[in-house]
């Protein structure tokens, strides 16, 4: 036996440790500050930044601040329902998409709501017409508050009958 060795310290789990909420790989959210009541988002742990489908993106200067005006088709496969939105421009950021192509995108900060949960996230704005989901929620948008269940959907806000996917 080696008696000169320090004893191994045992760690105990904290009794009041933060327990993350489990979310599905896709969830319904609302973006109330943008006037978007429902948007289905893919939870994308491979993406650092969250993004929202937007088009007719226009930067405008008002007073000492820059804003972004844009339009959104929040529902998949529905280009008739349109929401007009405006948000303060936080910055422009170079983002690399899944194909490796870099684009300079406007970044906004907005509140996101799911069920009884609400928090702020940063969103980049870009046309996602060709993509399956109108919104991606990346790692920075979920942080340590959530664990993603890869085979479950709509755990935060259940899918209601009559709503289109």
Foldseek 3Di string as FASTA:
>chain_A
DDPVDDDDDDDDDDPPDADAAEAEQKAWKAFVLFPRGTAIAGADQVAAAKAFAWPPWDWDDDDPFIKIWTKHPRDFPDPPDIGIGMFTFPDWDWDQDPVRDTDTWTKGKTWMDFAPDIDIHIYTYHHPNVPRGRMYQYCRNRPPRYDYDHVDHHPRHDDDPPDDD
